[in-house]
């Protein structure tokens, strides 16, 4: 299968991580500690990568959380600058609220709590 440009993160996960290593959706879901249906929605492209899922994918597959969020944003057509993704990922990883004057910008990041 040929990936779209840019690919949906689910398509990327299947082609880069699952198919070459014969990993099933159920196996990966177990490693991510999510329901198979949750992962399946991502793999089928009906759901995107949330901040929480980016952290899980990072721990399981070895890429940074920022790279997973950037892949999703690239697919969505709304690229968020890497510095802002780093700020958001740091706040999420440490379960912190983010104080910002740029609410509209950071509000696009799922799971990020703003003050």
C-alpha atoms as a PDB file:
ATOM      1  CA  UNK A   1       0.000   0.000   0.000  1.00  0.00           C
ATOM      2  CA  UNK A   2       1.250   3.450  -0.880  1.00  0.00           C
ATOM      3  CA  UNK A   3       0.909   6.147   1.784  1.00  0.00           C
ATOM      4  CA  UNK A   4      -0.893   9.413   1.148  1.00  0.00           C
ATOM      5  CA  UNK A   5       1.116  12.617   1.326  1.00  0.00           C
ATOM      6  CA  UNK A   6       0.948  13.529   4.132  1.00  0.00           C
ATOM      7  CA  UNK A   7      -0.229  10.203   5.567  1.00  0.00           C
ATOM      8  CA  UNK A   8      -2.785   9.876   8.337  1.00  0.00           C
ATOM      9  CA  UNK A   9      -0.930   8.734  11.481  1.00  0.00           C
ATOM     10  CA  UNK A  10      -2.881   5.450  11.421  1.00  0.00           C
ATOM     11  CA  UNK A  11      -1.636   4.729   7.923  1.00  0.00           C
ATOM     12  CA  UNK A  12       1.903   5.574   9.032  1.00  0.00           C
ATOM     13  CA  UNK A  13       1.667   3.254  12.063  1.00  0.00           C
ATOM     14  CA  UNK A  14       0.448   0.381   9.910  1.00  0.00           C
ATOM     15  CA  UNK A  15       3.055   0.719   7.171  1.00  0.00           C
ATOM     16  CA  UNK A  16       6.100   1.597   9.276  1.00  0.00           C
ATOM     17  CA  UNK A  17       5.532  -0.347  12.499  1.00  0.00           C
ATOM     18  CA  UNK A  18       2.872  -3.011  12.138  1.00  0.00           C
ATOM     19  CA  UNK A  19       3.219  -4.583   8.674  1.00  0.00           C
ATOM     20  CA  UNK A  20       7.025  -5.006   8.621  1.00  0.00           C
ATOM     21  CA  UNK A  21       7.015  -6.685  12.037  1.00  0.00           C
ATOM     22  CA  UNK A  22       3.715  -8.590  11.667  1.00  0.00           C
ATOM     23  CA  UNK A  23       2.211  -6.811  14.688  1.00  0.00           C
ATOM     24  CA  UNK A  24      -1.553  -7.080  15.003  1.00  0.00           C
ATOM     25  CA  UNK A  25      -3.849  -4.294  16.127  1.00  0.00           C
ATOM     26  CA  UNK A  26      -4.677  -6.217  19.295  1.00  0.00           C
ATOM     27  CA  UNK A  27      -0.990  -6.670  20.120  1.00  0.00           C
ATOM     28  CA  UNK A  28      -0.226  -2.985  19.648  1.00  0.00           C
ATOM     29  CA  UNK A  29      -3.347  -1.936  21.567  1.00  0.00           C
ATOM     30  CA  UNK A  30      -2.207  -4.085  24.493  1.00  0.00           C
ATOM     31  CA  UNK A  31       1.254  -2.484  24.415  1.00  0.00           C
ATOM     32  CA  UNK A  32      -0.348   0.985  24.305  1.00  0.00           C
ATOM     33  CA  UNK A  33      -2.736   0.003  27.111  1.00  0.00           C
ATOM     34  CA  UNK A  34      -5.791   1.092  25.109  1.00  0.00           C
ATOM     35  CA  UNK A  35      -8.865  -0.738  23.893  1.00  0.00           C
ATOM     36  CA  UNK A  36      -8.424  -2.383  20.481  1.00  0.00           C
ATOM     37  CA  UNK A  37     -11.376  -0.322  19.210  1.00  0.00           C
ATOM     38  CA  UNK A  38      -9.555   2.903  20.159  1.00  0.00           C
ATOM     39  CA  UNK A  39      -6.488   1.927  18.163  1.00  0.00           C
ATOM     40  CA  UNK A  40      -8.632   0.630  15.306  1.00  0.00           C
ATOM     41  CA  UNK A  41     -10.284   4.050  14.897  1.00  0.00           C
ATOM     42  CA  UNK A  42      -6.819   5.598  14.538  1.00  0.00           C
ATOM     43  CA  UNK A  43      -5.633   2.909  12.128  1.00  0.00           C
ATOM     44  CA  UNK A  44      -8.738   3.391   9.961  1.00  0.00           C
ATOM     45  CA  UNK A  45      -8.296   7.168   9.978  1.00  0.00           C
ATOM     46  CA  UNK A  46     -11.595   7.952  11.700  1.00  0.00           C
ATOM     47  CA  UNK A  47      -9.818   9.297  14.800  1.00  0.00           C
ATOM     48  CA  UNK A  48      -6.699  11.364  15.151  1.00  0.00           C
ATOM     49  CA  UNK A  49      -3.777  11.305  17.540  1.00  0.00           C
ATOM     50  CA  UNK A  50      -4.570  13.029  20.838  1.00  0.00           C
ATOM     51  CA  UNK A  51      -1.871  14.336  23.148  1.00  0.00           C
ATOM     52  CA  UNK A  52      -2.390  11.355  25.460  1.00  0.00           C
ATOM     53  CA  UNK A  53      -2.092   8.915  22.555  1.00  0.00           C
ATOM     54  CA  UNK A  54       1.039  10.736  21.357  1.00  0.00           C
ATOM     55  CA  UNK A  55       2.629  10.062  24.746  1.00  0.00           C
ATOM     56  CA  UNK A  56       1.593   6.386  24.613  1.00  0.00           C
ATOM     57  CA  UNK A  57       2.884   5.972  21.056  1.00  0.00           C
ATOM     58  CA  UNK A  58       6.131   7.662  22.009  1.00  0.00           C
ATOM     59  CA  UNK A  59       6.742   5.275  24.904  1.00  0.00           C
ATOM     60  CA  UNK A  60       5.774   2.224  22.858  1.00  0.00           C
ATOM     61  CA  UNK A  61       7.174   2.952  19.399  1.00  0.00           C
ATOM     62  CA  UNK A  62      10.104   5.221  20.278  1.00  0.00           C
ATOM     63  CA  UNK A  63       9.338   8.495  18.479  1.00  0.00           C
ATOM     64  CA  UNK A  64       8.843  11.745  20.374  1.00  0.00           C
ATOM     65  CA  UNK A  65       5.319  12.863  21.370  1.00  0.00           C
ATOM     66  CA  UNK A  66       5.919  16.019  19.352  1.00  0.00           C
ATOM     67  CA  UNK A  67       6.568  14.008  16.196  1.00  0.00           C
ATOM     68  CA  UNK A  68       3.250  12.175  16.566  1.00  0.00           C
ATOM     69  CA  UNK A  69       1.390  15.453  17.084  1.00  0.00           C
ATOM     70  CA  UNK A  70       3.194  17.025  14.132  1.00  0.00           C
ATOM     71  CA  UNK A  71       2.259  14.044  11.950  1.00  0.00           C
ATOM     72  CA  UNK A  72      -1.406  14.502  12.898  1.00  0.00           C
ATOM     73  CA  UNK A  73      -1.260  18.267  12.401  1.00  0.00           C
ATOM     74  CA  UNK A  74       0.458  17.838   9.057  1.00  0.00           C
ATOM     75  CA  UNK A  75      -2.334  15.505   7.970  1.00  0.00           C
ATOM     76  CA  UNK A  76      -4.911  17.999   9.250  1.00  0.00           C
ATOM     77  CA  UNK A  77      -3.188  20.800   7.364  1.00  0.00           C
ATOM     78  CA  UNK A  78      -2.591  22.959  10.421  1.00  0.00           C
ATOM     79  CA  UNK A  79       1.048  22.769  11.347  1.00  0.00           C
ATOM     80  CA  UNK A  80       1.920  23.882  14.867  1.00  0.00           C
ATOM     81  CA  UNK A  81       5.457  25.134  15.362  1.00  0.00           C
ATOM     82  CA  UNK A  82       7.831  22.660  16.983  1.00  0.00           C
ATOM     83  CA  UNK A  83       8.594  25.013  19.890  1.00  0.00           C
ATOM     84  CA  UNK A  84       4.889  25.182  20.760  1.00  0.00           C
ATOM     85  CA  UNK A  85       4.552  21.408  20.474  1.00  0.00           C
ATOM     86  CA  UNK A  86       7.474  21.026  22.854  1.00  0.00           C
ATOM     87  CA  UNK A  87       5.843  23.396  25.340  1.00  0.00           C
ATOM     88  CA  UNK A  88       2.514  21.564  25.046  1.00  0.00           C
ATOM     89  CA  UNK A  89       4.077  18.100  25.311  1.00  0.00           C
ATOM     90  CA  UNK A  90       6.044  19.154  28.405  1.00  0.00           C
ATOM     91  CA  UNK A  91       2.878  20.451  30.065  1.00  0.00           C
ATOM     92  CA  UNK A  92       0.995  17.261  29.166  1.00  0.00           C
ATOM     93  CA  UNK A  93       3.764  14.914  30.270  1.00  0.00           C
ATOM     94  CA  UNK A  94       3.952  16.681  33.641  1.00  0.00           C
ATOM     95  CA  UNK A  95       0.163  16.967  33.958  1.00  0.00           C
ATOM     96  CA  UNK A  96       0.423  20.745  34.195  1.00  0.00           C
ATOM     97  CA  UNK A  97      -1.889  23.508  33.024  1.00  0.00           C
ATOM     98  CA  UNK A  98      -0.435  25.890  30.468  1.00  0.00           C
ATOM     99  CA  UNK A  99      -0.669  29.639  31.040  1.00  0.00           C
ATOM    100  CA  UNK A 100      -0.675  31.432  27.704  1.00  0.00           C
ATOM    101  CA  UNK A 101      -2.027  34.505  26.023  1.00  0.00           C
ATOM    102  CA  UNK A 102      -2.332  32.509  22.803  1.00  0.00           C
ATOM    103  CA  UNK A 103      -5.378  30.449  23.795  1.00  0.00           C
ATOM    104  CA  UNK A 104      -6.651  30.081  20.216  1.00  0.00           C
ATOM    105  CA  UNK A 105      -3.343  28.540  19.120  1.00  0.00           C
ATOM    106  CA  UNK A 106      -2.857  26.092  22.005  1.00  0.00           C
ATOM    107  CA  UNK A 107      -6.555  25.244  22.170  1.00  0.00           C
ATOM    108  CA  UNK A 108      -6.046  23.058  19.080  1.00  0.00           C
ATOM    109  CA  UNK A 109      -3.994  20.549  21.090  1.00  0.00           C
ATOM    110  CA  UNK A 110      -6.240  17.819  22.488  1.00  0.00           C
ATOM    111  CA  UNK A 111      -6.005  17.230  26.217  1.00  0.00           C
ATOM    112  CA  UNK A 112      -4.004  20.373  26.967  1.00  0.00           C
ATOM    113  CA  UNK A 113      -5.544  22.350  29.819  1.00  0.00           C
ATOM    114  CA  UNK A 114      -5.132  26.107  29.545  1.00  0.00           C
ATOM    115  CA  UNK A 115      -5.385  28.794  32.229  1.00  0.00           C
END
